[in-house]
Amino acid sequence: MDTTNIFLGEKLRLTEIHPKKDAETEADWMQDMAYVNLRKQMPARPLSVTALCKDLEEKLKESDEGRSTFYYAIRERDDESSLVGFMYVVDIEWKNGQGFLQLLFKDEATTHMSMPESLQLALRYVFDELSLVHICMEVLDYAEAAITVIENAGFLLEARLREIAYHAGAYHDHLIYGLLAEEWRQTREDQA
C-alpha cells in the first residue's frame, strides 16, 4: 500500500482554502491585470476582499455538493500562511474520466518558480487520487512561462481557438493542452 502523502511536494503542498484569509492575499494579486485576466472574469475587473471571499466560499460549496470540482490552495510546504497560488480541477466528467485543471499564481515570476512542482502535485492528485484518464489545461498564447511548464510536463496541444482573447492591444489564441494518465505515468517512469 502506497502511503505517500499526495498533497506534499518538496517545497510546496496542496491545502484547503481559507476563504477570508486567502481572499485578503488574492485581493493584492488583483492589482495586476495579468492575474485578473487569468481568473476568466468577463469583463476583467479587480474584485474586493469581500467579493473574493464570497467567490471562494461558493467554490468550496460547489465542490462539496457537486463532487465534479475540486479547489485547493497551494502553499509553501512549511508555512501555513504562505499562499502561493490555487489549483482548480473543474468540469469533471466521471463517465469519460476527464476534466480541466487550472493553476493560478500571482505573477509570472511565481508561475516560473512554483508552477513545475505545483503541476506535478496536481497531476498526482488528478491521476492517482481522482483516477481521471485525461486532463486538459487552457492557456493564452502569450503566457510563455506557463506554456513551457505545461509542455515540459508532457502535455500536447489539442486545440487552438484563434484570436479569441484581446489582451494588451492584440488578439491572442486560446490554447488547450491535454495529457493522458498513461502518458504521465510513462514520463514519470522514464525520469526515475
N, C-alpha and C. Protein backbone atom coordinates (compact mmCIF):
# COMPACT_ATOMS: atom_id res chain seq x y z
N MET A 1 0.85 -1.18 0.00
CA MET A 1 0.00 0.00 0.00
C MET A 1 0.89 1.25 0.00
N ASP A 2 0.61 2.17 -0.92
CA ASP A 2 1.38 3.41 -1.03
C ASP A 2 0.90 4.40 0.03
N THR A 3 1.81 4.84 0.88
CA THR A 3 1.44 5.79 1.94
C THR A 3 1.98 7.18 1.67
N THR A 4 2.35 7.45 0.41
CA THR A 4 2.85 8.77 0.04
C THR A 4 1.76 9.81 0.27
N ASN A 5 2.12 10.90 0.90
CA ASN A 5 1.16 11.99 1.08
C ASN A 5 1.07 12.75 -0.25
N ILE A 6 -0.02 12.56 -0.95
CA ILE A 6 -0.16 13.15 -2.29
C ILE A 6 -0.28 14.67 -2.27
N PHE A 7 -0.45 15.25 -1.12
CA PHE A 7 -0.59 16.70 -1.00
C PHE A 7 0.74 17.41 -0.76
N LEU A 8 1.81 16.65 -0.51
CA LEU A 8 3.10 17.24 -0.18
C LEU A 8 4.10 17.08 -1.32
N GLY A 9 4.76 18.19 -1.63
CA GLY A 9 5.86 18.17 -2.56
C GLY A 9 7.14 18.51 -1.82
N GLU A 10 8.19 18.76 -2.58
CA GLU A 10 9.47 19.09 -1.95
C GLU A 10 9.42 20.45 -1.26
N LYS A 11 8.86 21.46 -1.94
CA LYS A 11 8.80 22.81 -1.38
C LYS A 11 7.37 23.32 -1.20
N LEU A 12 6.42 22.67 -1.84
CA LEU A 12 5.03 23.14 -1.82
C LEU A 12 4.10 22.05 -1.34
N ARG A 13 2.85 22.46 -1.05
CA ARG A 13 1.82 21.50 -0.68
C ARG A 13 0.46 22.03 -1.08
N LEU A 14 -0.46 21.12 -1.27
CA LEU A 14 -1.85 21.47 -1.52
C LEU A 14 -2.58 21.46 -0.19
N THR A 15 -3.37 22.51 0.07
CA THR A 15 -4.12 22.59 1.32
C THR A 15 -5.55 23.03 1.03
N GLU A 16 -6.33 23.01 2.09
CA GLU A 16 -7.68 23.56 1.99
C GLU A 16 -7.58 25.07 1.76
N ILE A 17 -8.62 25.61 1.19
CA ILE A 17 -8.71 27.06 1.00
C ILE A 17 -9.31 27.67 2.27
N HIS A 18 -8.72 28.77 2.72
CA HIS A 18 -9.26 29.55 3.84
C HIS A 18 -9.88 30.80 3.22
N PRO A 19 -11.20 30.81 2.98
CA PRO A 19 -11.81 31.89 2.20
C PRO A 19 -11.44 33.30 2.64
N LYS A 20 -11.59 33.64 3.90
CA LYS A 20 -11.32 35.02 4.32
C LYS A 20 -9.85 35.38 4.21
N LYS A 21 -9.01 34.54 4.78
CA LYS A 21 -7.57 34.82 4.78
C LYS A 21 -6.99 34.81 3.36
N ASP A 22 -7.37 33.81 2.56
CA ASP A 22 -6.84 33.72 1.20
C ASP A 22 -7.39 34.83 0.31
N ALA A 23 -8.62 35.26 0.58
CA ALA A 23 -9.19 36.38 -0.20
C ALA A 23 -8.40 37.67 0.05
N GLU A 24 -7.93 37.85 1.27
CA GLU A 24 -7.14 39.05 1.56
C GLU A 24 -5.84 39.06 0.74
N THR A 25 -5.20 37.91 0.65
CA THR A 25 -3.98 37.81 -0.16
C THR A 25 -4.29 37.98 -1.64
N GLU A 26 -5.33 37.30 -2.09
CA GLU A 26 -5.68 37.36 -3.52
C GLU A 26 -6.10 38.77 -3.93
N ALA A 27 -6.68 39.52 -3.03
CA ALA A 27 -7.07 40.90 -3.35
C ALA A 27 -5.85 41.73 -3.76
N ASP A 28 -4.72 41.49 -3.12
CA ASP A 28 -3.49 42.17 -3.52
C ASP A 28 -3.08 41.76 -4.94
N TRP A 29 -3.25 40.48 -5.25
CA TRP A 29 -2.89 40.00 -6.59
C TRP A 29 -3.77 40.63 -7.67
N MET A 30 -4.99 41.02 -7.27
CA MET A 30 -5.96 41.58 -8.23
C MET A 30 -5.54 42.95 -8.75
N GLN A 31 -4.49 43.52 -8.20
CA GLN A 31 -3.99 44.80 -8.70
C GLN A 31 -3.22 44.62 -10.01
N ASP A 32 -2.89 43.39 -10.35
CA ASP A 32 -2.18 43.07 -11.58
C ASP A 32 -3.19 42.53 -12.60
N MET A 33 -3.36 43.26 -13.69
CA MET A 33 -4.37 42.86 -14.69
C MET A 33 -4.05 41.50 -15.32
N ALA A 34 -2.80 41.11 -15.36
CA ALA A 34 -2.46 39.78 -15.89
C ALA A 34 -3.13 38.70 -15.02
N TYR A 35 -3.11 38.89 -13.70
CA TYR A 35 -3.77 37.92 -12.82
C TYR A 35 -5.29 38.00 -12.98
N VAL A 36 -5.81 39.20 -13.05
CA VAL A 36 -7.26 39.37 -13.22
C VAL A 36 -7.73 38.63 -14.47
N ASN A 37 -6.97 38.74 -15.55
CA ASN A 37 -7.34 38.05 -16.79
C ASN A 37 -7.29 36.54 -16.66
N LEU A 38 -6.38 36.03 -15.84
CA LEU A 38 -6.30 34.58 -15.64
C LEU A 38 -7.54 34.02 -14.94
N ARG A 39 -8.16 34.83 -14.12
CA ARG A 39 -9.34 34.38 -13.38
C ARG A 39 -10.56 34.20 -14.26
N LYS A 40 -10.48 34.63 -15.52
CA LYS A 40 -11.53 34.44 -16.52
C LYS A 40 -12.82 35.16 -16.18
N GLN A 41 -12.71 36.36 -15.71
CA GLN A 41 -13.91 37.15 -15.49
C GLN A 41 -14.16 37.96 -16.75
N MET A 42 -15.38 38.04 -17.15
CA MET A 42 -15.72 38.83 -18.33
C MET A 42 -16.76 39.86 -17.93
N PRO A 43 -16.49 41.13 -18.08
CA PRO A 43 -15.19 41.69 -18.42
C PRO A 43 -14.25 41.62 -17.21
N ALA A 44 -12.96 41.67 -17.50
CA ALA A 44 -11.96 41.59 -16.44
C ALA A 44 -12.09 42.78 -15.51
N ARG A 45 -12.07 42.51 -14.20
CA ARG A 45 -12.13 43.58 -13.21
C ARG A 45 -11.59 43.07 -11.89
N PRO A 46 -10.90 43.95 -11.17
CA PRO A 46 -10.43 43.55 -9.84
C PRO A 46 -11.62 43.32 -8.91
N LEU A 47 -11.46 42.41 -7.98
CA LEU A 47 -12.51 42.11 -7.02
C LEU A 47 -12.05 42.50 -5.62
N SER A 48 -13.00 42.89 -4.79
CA SER A 48 -12.71 43.25 -3.40
C SER A 48 -12.48 42.00 -2.57
N VAL A 49 -11.97 42.19 -1.37
CA VAL A 49 -11.78 41.08 -0.44
C VAL A 49 -13.12 40.38 -0.19
N THR A 50 -14.17 41.14 0.00
CA THR A 50 -15.50 40.57 0.25
C THR A 50 -15.97 39.73 -0.93
N ALA A 51 -15.82 40.24 -2.14
CA ALA A 51 -16.24 39.51 -3.33
C ALA A 51 -15.40 38.25 -3.53
N LEU A 52 -14.10 38.36 -3.28
CA LEU A 52 -13.23 37.19 -3.41
C LEU A 52 -13.56 36.13 -2.36
N CYS A 53 -13.83 36.57 -1.14
CA CYS A 53 -14.19 35.65 -0.07
C CYS A 53 -15.48 34.90 -0.44
N LYS A 54 -16.45 35.63 -0.94
CA LYS A 54 -17.72 35.02 -1.37
C LYS A 54 -17.48 34.03 -2.51
N ASP A 55 -16.62 34.40 -3.48
CA ASP A 55 -16.30 33.53 -4.59
C ASP A 55 -15.66 32.23 -4.10
N LEU A 56 -14.71 32.35 -3.19
CA LEU A 56 -14.04 31.15 -2.66
C LEU A 56 -15.01 30.28 -1.86
N GLU A 57 -15.88 30.90 -1.09
CA GLU A 57 -16.89 30.14 -0.34
C GLU A 57 -17.83 29.40 -1.28
N GLU A 58 -18.22 30.06 -2.38
CA GLU A 58 -19.09 29.41 -3.37
C GLU A 58 -18.39 28.24 -4.05
N LYS A 59 -17.11 28.41 -4.35
CA LYS A 59 -16.34 27.32 -4.96
C LYS A 59 -16.30 26.11 -4.02
N LEU A 60 -16.05 26.35 -2.74
CA LEU A 60 -15.98 25.25 -1.78
C LEU A 60 -17.34 24.57 -1.62
N LYS A 61 -18.41 25.35 -1.62
CA LYS A 61 -19.75 24.79 -1.53
C LYS A 61 -20.06 23.94 -2.76
N GLU A 62 -19.70 24.46 -3.93
CA GLU A 62 -19.90 23.72 -5.18
C GLU A 62 -19.13 22.40 -5.14
N SER A 63 -17.92 22.44 -4.63
CA SER A 63 -17.10 21.24 -4.55
C SER A 63 -17.74 20.21 -3.62
N ASP A 64 -18.22 20.66 -2.47
CA ASP A 64 -18.84 19.75 -1.51
C ASP A 64 -20.13 19.14 -2.04
N GLU A 65 -20.91 19.93 -2.75
CA GLU A 65 -22.22 19.46 -3.21
C GLU A 65 -22.15 18.66 -4.50
N GLY A 66 -21.36 19.12 -5.46
CA GLY A 66 -21.40 18.51 -6.77
C GLY A 66 -20.40 17.40 -7.01
N ARG A 67 -19.27 17.46 -6.35
CA ARG A 67 -18.19 16.49 -6.49
C ARG A 67 -17.68 16.37 -7.94
N SER A 68 -17.86 17.43 -8.72
CA SER A 68 -17.26 17.44 -10.06
C SER A 68 -16.25 18.58 -10.17
N THR A 69 -15.96 19.21 -9.03
CA THR A 69 -14.94 20.24 -8.96
C THR A 69 -14.18 20.09 -7.64
N PHE A 70 -12.90 20.42 -7.70
CA PHE A 70 -12.07 20.36 -6.50
C PHE A 70 -11.18 21.60 -6.49
N TYR A 71 -11.12 22.26 -5.34
CA TYR A 71 -10.38 23.51 -5.21
C TYR A 71 -9.40 23.40 -4.06
N TYR A 72 -8.15 23.78 -4.32
CA TYR A 72 -7.11 23.75 -3.30
C TYR A 72 -6.27 25.01 -3.36
N ALA A 73 -5.71 25.35 -2.21
CA ALA A 73 -4.68 26.39 -2.16
C ALA A 73 -3.34 25.71 -2.32
N ILE A 74 -2.40 26.44 -2.89
CA ILE A 74 -1.02 25.97 -2.99
C ILE A 74 -0.21 26.85 -2.03
N ARG A 75 0.48 26.21 -1.11
CA ARG A 75 1.24 26.94 -0.09
C ARG A 75 2.66 26.39 -0.02
N GLU A 76 3.55 27.20 0.57
CA GLU A 76 4.88 26.69 0.86
C GLU A 76 4.72 25.53 1.83
N ARG A 77 5.53 24.54 1.68
CA ARG A 77 5.39 23.31 2.46
C ARG A 77 5.37 23.54 3.96
N ASP A 78 6.24 24.41 4.46
CA ASP A 78 6.39 24.59 5.90
C ASP A 78 5.83 25.89 6.43
N ASP A 79 4.98 26.56 5.65
CA ASP A 79 4.44 27.85 6.10
C ASP A 79 2.96 27.93 5.74
N GLU A 80 2.12 27.66 6.72
CA GLU A 80 0.67 27.64 6.52
C GLU A 80 0.13 28.98 6.03
N SER A 81 0.80 30.06 6.36
CA SER A 81 0.28 31.38 5.99
C SER A 81 0.69 31.82 4.59
N SER A 82 1.53 31.05 3.92
CA SER A 82 2.06 31.48 2.63
C SER A 82 1.21 30.95 1.47
N LEU A 83 0.37 31.78 0.92
CA LEU A 83 -0.43 31.41 -0.25
C LEU A 83 0.42 31.68 -1.49
N VAL A 84 0.69 30.63 -2.25
CA VAL A 84 1.47 30.74 -3.47
C VAL A 84 0.56 30.82 -4.68
N GLY A 85 -0.56 30.07 -4.62
CA GLY A 85 -1.48 30.04 -5.75
C GLY A 85 -2.68 29.16 -5.44
N PHE A 86 -3.41 28.83 -6.51
CA PHE A 86 -4.60 27.98 -6.39
C PHE A 86 -4.55 26.88 -7.43
N MET A 87 -5.12 25.73 -7.09
CA MET A 87 -5.30 24.63 -8.03
C MET A 87 -6.79 24.32 -8.11
N TYR A 88 -7.33 24.36 -9.31
CA TYR A 88 -8.74 24.03 -9.53
C TYR A 88 -8.82 22.87 -10.52
N VAL A 89 -9.58 21.84 -10.16
CA VAL A 89 -9.94 20.78 -11.10
C VAL A 89 -11.44 20.93 -11.29
N VAL A 90 -11.84 21.25 -12.52
CA VAL A 90 -13.24 21.60 -12.78
C VAL A 90 -13.78 20.81 -13.97
N ASP A 91 -15.10 20.89 -14.10
CA ASP A 91 -15.81 20.26 -15.23
C ASP A 91 -15.44 18.79 -15.40
N ILE A 92 -15.36 18.08 -14.29
CA ILE A 92 -15.02 16.66 -14.35
C ILE A 92 -16.21 15.89 -14.92
N GLU A 93 -15.92 15.08 -15.89
CA GLU A 93 -16.90 14.15 -16.46
C GLU A 93 -16.47 12.76 -16.00
N TRP A 94 -17.10 12.26 -14.94
CA TRP A 94 -16.67 10.99 -14.36
C TRP A 94 -16.83 9.85 -15.35
N LYS A 95 -17.90 9.87 -16.13
CA LYS A 95 -18.15 8.79 -17.10
C LYS A 95 -17.00 8.70 -18.11
N ASN A 96 -16.47 9.86 -18.52
CA ASN A 96 -15.41 9.89 -19.51
C ASN A 96 -14.01 9.97 -18.90
N GLY A 97 -13.94 10.15 -17.59
CA GLY A 97 -12.66 10.19 -16.91
C GLY A 97 -11.81 11.39 -17.29
N GLN A 98 -12.46 12.53 -17.49
CA GLN A 98 -11.69 13.71 -17.90
C GLN A 98 -12.18 14.96 -17.20
N GLY A 99 -11.31 15.98 -17.18
CA GLY A 99 -11.64 17.25 -16.57
C GLY A 99 -10.64 18.30 -16.98
N PHE A 100 -10.77 19.48 -16.40
CA PHE A 100 -9.89 20.61 -16.70
C PHE A 100 -9.14 21.02 -15.43
N LEU A 101 -7.87 21.31 -15.60
CA LEU A 101 -7.01 21.73 -14.50
C LEU A 101 -6.60 23.17 -14.72
N GLN A 102 -6.71 23.97 -13.65
CA GLN A 102 -6.25 25.35 -13.72
C GLN A 102 -5.34 25.63 -12.53
N LEU A 103 -4.19 26.22 -12.81
CA LEU A 103 -3.28 26.67 -11.77
C LEU A 103 -3.18 28.19 -11.88
N LEU A 104 -3.38 28.87 -10.76
CA LEU A 104 -3.32 30.34 -10.73
C LEU A 104 -2.21 30.78 -9.79
N PHE A 105 -1.36 31.68 -10.28
CA PHE A 105 -0.30 32.26 -9.47
C PHE A 105 -0.36 33.76 -9.61
N LYS A 106 0.18 34.48 -8.61
CA LYS A 106 0.03 35.93 -8.58
C LYS A 106 0.73 36.65 -9.71
N ASP A 107 1.82 36.11 -10.24
CA ASP A 107 2.54 36.81 -11.31
C ASP A 107 3.41 35.81 -12.07
N GLU A 108 4.06 36.29 -13.12
CA GLU A 108 4.86 35.41 -13.97
C GLU A 108 6.07 34.86 -13.22
N ALA A 109 6.67 35.64 -12.35
CA ALA A 109 7.82 35.15 -11.60
C ALA A 109 7.43 33.97 -10.70
N THR A 110 6.28 34.07 -10.04
CA THR A 110 5.80 32.98 -9.19
C THR A 110 5.42 31.78 -10.05
N THR A 111 4.82 32.05 -11.21
CA THR A 111 4.49 30.97 -12.14
C THR A 111 5.76 30.21 -12.51
N HIS A 112 6.78 30.95 -12.89
CA HIS A 112 8.04 30.33 -13.31
C HIS A 112 8.65 29.50 -12.17
N MET A 113 8.59 30.01 -10.96
CA MET A 113 9.22 29.36 -9.81
C MET A 113 8.38 28.21 -9.25
N SER A 114 7.06 28.37 -9.18
CA SER A 114 6.22 27.41 -8.45
C SER A 114 5.40 26.47 -9.33
N MET A 115 5.21 26.82 -10.59
CA MET A 115 4.32 26.00 -11.41
C MET A 115 4.83 24.59 -11.67
N PRO A 116 6.13 24.38 -11.93
CA PRO A 116 6.55 22.99 -12.19
C PRO A 116 6.19 22.02 -11.06
N GLU A 117 6.51 22.38 -9.83
CA GLU A 117 6.18 21.49 -8.71
C GLU A 117 4.68 21.43 -8.47
N SER A 118 4.00 22.56 -8.58
CA SER A 118 2.54 22.59 -8.40
C SER A 118 1.84 21.71 -9.41
N LEU A 119 2.32 21.75 -10.64
CA LEU A 119 1.71 20.94 -11.69
C LEU A 119 1.91 19.46 -11.40
N GLN A 120 3.08 19.07 -10.92
CA GLN A 120 3.30 17.66 -10.59
C GLN A 120 2.42 17.22 -9.42
N LEU A 121 2.24 18.07 -8.42
CA LEU A 121 1.32 17.76 -7.32
C LEU A 121 -0.10 17.60 -7.85
N ALA A 122 -0.51 18.52 -8.72
CA ALA A 122 -1.86 18.48 -9.29
C ALA A 122 -2.07 17.22 -10.11
N LEU A 123 -1.09 16.87 -10.93
CA LEU A 123 -1.23 15.67 -11.77
C LEU A 123 -1.28 14.40 -10.92
N ARG A 124 -0.50 14.36 -9.88
CA ARG A 124 -0.54 13.20 -8.98
C ARG A 124 -1.94 13.08 -8.37
N TYR A 125 -2.52 14.21 -7.97
CA TYR A 125 -3.87 14.20 -7.41
C TYR A 125 -4.90 13.77 -8.46
N VAL A 126 -4.81 14.38 -9.64
CA VAL A 126 -5.79 14.12 -10.70
C VAL A 126 -5.76 12.66 -11.16
N PHE A 127 -4.56 12.11 -11.36
CA PHE A 127 -4.46 10.77 -11.91
C PHE A 127 -4.45 9.67 -10.85
N ASP A 128 -3.79 9.90 -9.72
CA ASP A 128 -3.71 8.85 -8.70
C ASP A 128 -4.87 8.87 -7.72
N GLU A 129 -5.39 10.03 -7.39
CA GLU A 129 -6.48 10.10 -6.41
C GLU A 129 -7.85 10.12 -7.10
N LEU A 130 -8.01 10.98 -8.09
CA LEU A 130 -9.31 11.08 -8.77
C LEU A 130 -9.47 10.01 -9.86
N SER A 131 -8.38 9.40 -10.24
CA SER A 131 -8.37 8.34 -11.26
C SER A 131 -8.90 8.81 -12.61
N LEU A 132 -8.64 10.08 -12.95
CA LEU A 132 -9.02 10.56 -14.26
C LEU A 132 -8.08 9.97 -15.30
N VAL A 133 -8.56 9.91 -16.53
CA VAL A 133 -7.80 9.34 -17.64
C VAL A 133 -7.18 10.44 -18.49
N HIS A 134 -7.83 11.60 -18.52
CA HIS A 134 -7.41 12.70 -19.41
C HIS A 134 -7.65 14.01 -18.69
N ILE A 135 -6.65 14.89 -18.72
CA ILE A 135 -6.81 16.21 -18.12
C ILE A 135 -6.41 17.26 -19.14
N CYS A 136 -7.13 18.36 -19.15
CA CYS A 136 -6.84 19.47 -20.06
C CYS A 136 -6.45 20.71 -19.26
N MET A 137 -5.62 21.54 -19.89
CA MET A 137 -5.28 22.84 -19.33
C MET A 137 -5.45 23.87 -20.44
N GLU A 138 -6.03 25.01 -20.08
CA GLU A 138 -6.23 26.09 -21.03
C GLU A 138 -5.26 27.22 -20.71
N VAL A 139 -4.70 27.83 -21.76
CA VAL A 139 -3.75 28.91 -21.58
C VAL A 139 -3.80 29.81 -22.81
N LEU A 140 -3.53 31.09 -22.61
CA LEU A 140 -3.45 32.01 -23.75
C LEU A 140 -2.03 31.99 -24.30
N ASP A 141 -1.90 32.22 -25.59
CA ASP A 141 -0.61 32.03 -26.26
C ASP A 141 0.49 32.96 -25.78
N TYR A 142 0.17 34.02 -25.08
CA TYR A 142 1.22 34.92 -24.59
C TYR A 142 1.78 34.49 -23.23
N ALA A 143 1.21 33.49 -22.60
CA ALA A 143 1.67 33.01 -21.28
C ALA A 143 2.82 32.03 -21.47
N GLU A 144 3.95 32.56 -21.91
CA GLU A 144 5.08 31.72 -22.30
C GLU A 144 5.62 30.86 -21.16
N ALA A 145 5.70 31.41 -19.96
CA ALA A 145 6.23 30.64 -18.82
C ALA A 145 5.34 29.43 -18.54
N ALA A 146 4.03 29.64 -18.54
CA ALA A 146 3.09 28.54 -18.28
C ALA A 146 3.14 27.51 -19.40
N ILE A 147 3.22 27.96 -20.65
CA ILE A 147 3.26 27.03 -21.78
C ILE A 147 4.49 26.14 -21.69
N THR A 148 5.63 26.72 -21.35
CA THR A 148 6.86 25.93 -21.23
C THR A 148 6.71 24.84 -20.18
N VAL A 149 6.15 25.19 -19.02
CA VAL A 149 5.97 24.20 -17.95
C VAL A 149 5.00 23.12 -18.38
N ILE A 150 3.90 23.52 -18.99
CA ILE A 150 2.88 22.56 -19.44
C ILE A 150 3.47 21.58 -20.45
N GLU A 151 4.19 22.10 -21.42
CA GLU A 151 4.79 21.23 -22.44
C GLU A 151 5.87 20.33 -21.84
N ASN A 152 6.66 20.86 -20.91
CA ASN A 152 7.70 20.05 -20.26
C ASN A 152 7.10 18.92 -19.42
N ALA A 153 5.87 19.09 -18.98
CA ALA A 153 5.19 18.05 -18.20
C ALA A 153 4.60 16.97 -19.09
N GLY A 154 4.69 17.14 -20.41
CA GLY A 154 4.21 16.12 -21.33
C GLY A 154 2.88 16.42 -22.00
N PHE A 155 2.27 17.55 -21.69
CA PHE A 155 1.01 17.91 -22.33
C PHE A 155 1.24 18.15 -23.82
N LEU A 156 0.23 17.80 -24.61
CA LEU A 156 0.25 18.05 -26.04
C LEU A 156 -0.84 19.05 -26.40
N LEU A 157 -0.56 19.89 -27.37
CA LEU A 157 -1.54 20.86 -27.84
C LEU A 157 -2.65 20.10 -28.55
N GLU A 158 -3.88 20.25 -28.07
CA GLU A 158 -5.02 19.52 -28.64
C GLU A 158 -5.97 20.43 -29.40
N ALA A 159 -5.97 21.73 -29.06
CA ALA A 159 -6.87 22.65 -29.76
C ALA A 159 -6.33 24.06 -29.67
N ARG A 160 -6.62 24.84 -30.68
CA ARG A 160 -6.23 26.25 -30.74
C ARG A 160 -7.46 27.02 -31.22
N LEU A 161 -7.94 27.91 -30.37
CA LEU A 161 -9.02 28.82 -30.76
C LEU A 161 -8.35 30.13 -31.14
N ARG A 162 -8.35 30.42 -32.41
CA ARG A 162 -7.55 31.53 -32.93
C ARG A 162 -8.15 32.89 -32.60
N GLU A 163 -7.27 33.79 -32.16
CA GLU A 163 -7.59 35.19 -31.90
C GLU A 163 -8.91 35.37 -31.14
N ILE A 164 -9.03 34.64 -30.05
CA ILE A 164 -10.28 34.67 -29.29
C ILE A 164 -10.23 35.58 -28.07
N ALA A 165 -9.02 35.99 -27.67
CA ALA A 165 -8.88 36.82 -26.47
C ALA A 165 -8.10 38.09 -26.81
N TYR A 166 -8.63 39.22 -26.36
CA TYR A 166 -7.97 40.51 -26.58
C TYR A 166 -7.20 40.88 -25.33
N HIS A 167 -5.89 41.15 -25.49
CA HIS A 167 -5.05 41.50 -24.34
C HIS A 167 -3.91 42.38 -24.82
N ALA A 168 -3.67 43.46 -24.11
CA ALA A 168 -2.55 44.37 -24.37
C ALA A 168 -2.49 44.82 -25.83
N GLY A 169 -3.65 45.16 -26.36
CA GLY A 169 -3.71 45.74 -27.70
C GLY A 169 -3.66 44.76 -28.86
N ALA A 170 -3.78 43.46 -28.58
CA ALA A 170 -3.74 42.48 -29.66
C ALA A 170 -4.64 41.29 -29.32
N TYR A 171 -5.04 40.58 -30.37
CA TYR A 171 -5.82 39.35 -30.19
C TYR A 171 -4.87 38.17 -30.05
N HIS A 172 -5.25 37.23 -29.18
CA HIS A 172 -4.40 36.08 -28.90
C HIS A 172 -5.19 34.79 -29.02
N ASP A 173 -4.45 33.73 -29.30
CA ASP A 173 -5.05 32.40 -29.40
C ASP A 173 -5.23 31.80 -28.00
N HIS A 174 -6.28 31.04 -27.87
CA HIS A 174 -6.59 30.28 -26.66
C HIS A 174 -6.15 28.85 -26.96
N LEU A 175 -5.21 28.33 -26.17
CA LEU A 175 -4.66 27.00 -26.40
C LEU A 175 -5.21 26.02 -25.37
N ILE A 176 -5.53 24.83 -25.84
CA ILE A 176 -5.98 23.77 -24.94
C ILE A 176 -5.00 22.61 -25.07
N TYR A 177 -4.34 22.32 -23.95
CA TYR A 177 -3.38 21.22 -23.88
C TYR A 177 -4.02 20.05 -23.16
N GLY A 178 -3.63 18.84 -23.52
CA GLY A 178 -4.15 17.65 -22.86
C GLY A 178 -3.06 16.66 -22.52
N LEU A 179 -3.32 15.87 -21.49
CA LEU A 179 -2.39 14.84 -21.05
C LEU A 179 -3.20 13.63 -20.60
N LEU A 180 -2.77 12.45 -21.05
CA LEU A 180 -3.40 11.20 -20.63
C LEU A 180 -2.65 10.64 -19.42
N ALA A 181 -3.37 9.97 -18.55
CA ALA A 181 -2.76 9.37 -17.36
C ALA A 181 -1.63 8.43 -17.76
N GLU A 182 -1.84 7.65 -18.80
CA GLU A 182 -0.83 6.70 -19.27
C GLU A 182 0.45 7.42 -19.69
N GLU A 183 0.31 8.56 -20.37
CA GLU A 183 1.48 9.35 -20.78
C GLU A 183 2.22 9.90 -19.57
N TRP A 184 1.46 10.39 -18.60
CA TRP A 184 2.06 10.94 -17.38
C TRP A 184 2.84 9.87 -16.62
N ARG A 185 2.24 8.70 -16.49
CA ARG A 185 2.92 7.61 -15.78
C ARG A 185 4.18 7.17 -16.52
N GLN A 186 4.12 7.13 -17.84
CA GLN A 186 5.30 6.76 -18.62
C GLN A 186 6.41 7.78 -18.44
N THR A 187 6.07 9.06 -18.46
CA THR A 187 7.05 10.11 -18.26
C THR A 187 7.71 9.98 -16.88
N ARG A 188 6.92 9.68 -15.87
CA ARG A 188 7.47 9.51 -14.52
C ARG A 188 8.41 8.33 -14.46
N GLU A 189 8.06 7.23 -15.13
CA GLU A 189 8.93 6.04 -15.15
C GLU A 189 10.23 6.35 -15.87
N ASP A 190 10.14 7.10 -16.97
CA ASP A 190 11.33 7.45 -17.74
C ASP A 190 12.28 8.35 -16.93
N GLN A 191 11.71 9.20 -16.06
CA GLN A 191 12.53 10.10 -15.26
C GLN A 191 13.14 9.43 -14.03
N ALA A 192 12.59 8.29 -13.66
CA ALA A 192 13.07 7.58 -12.45
C ALA A 192 14.36 6.84 -12.68
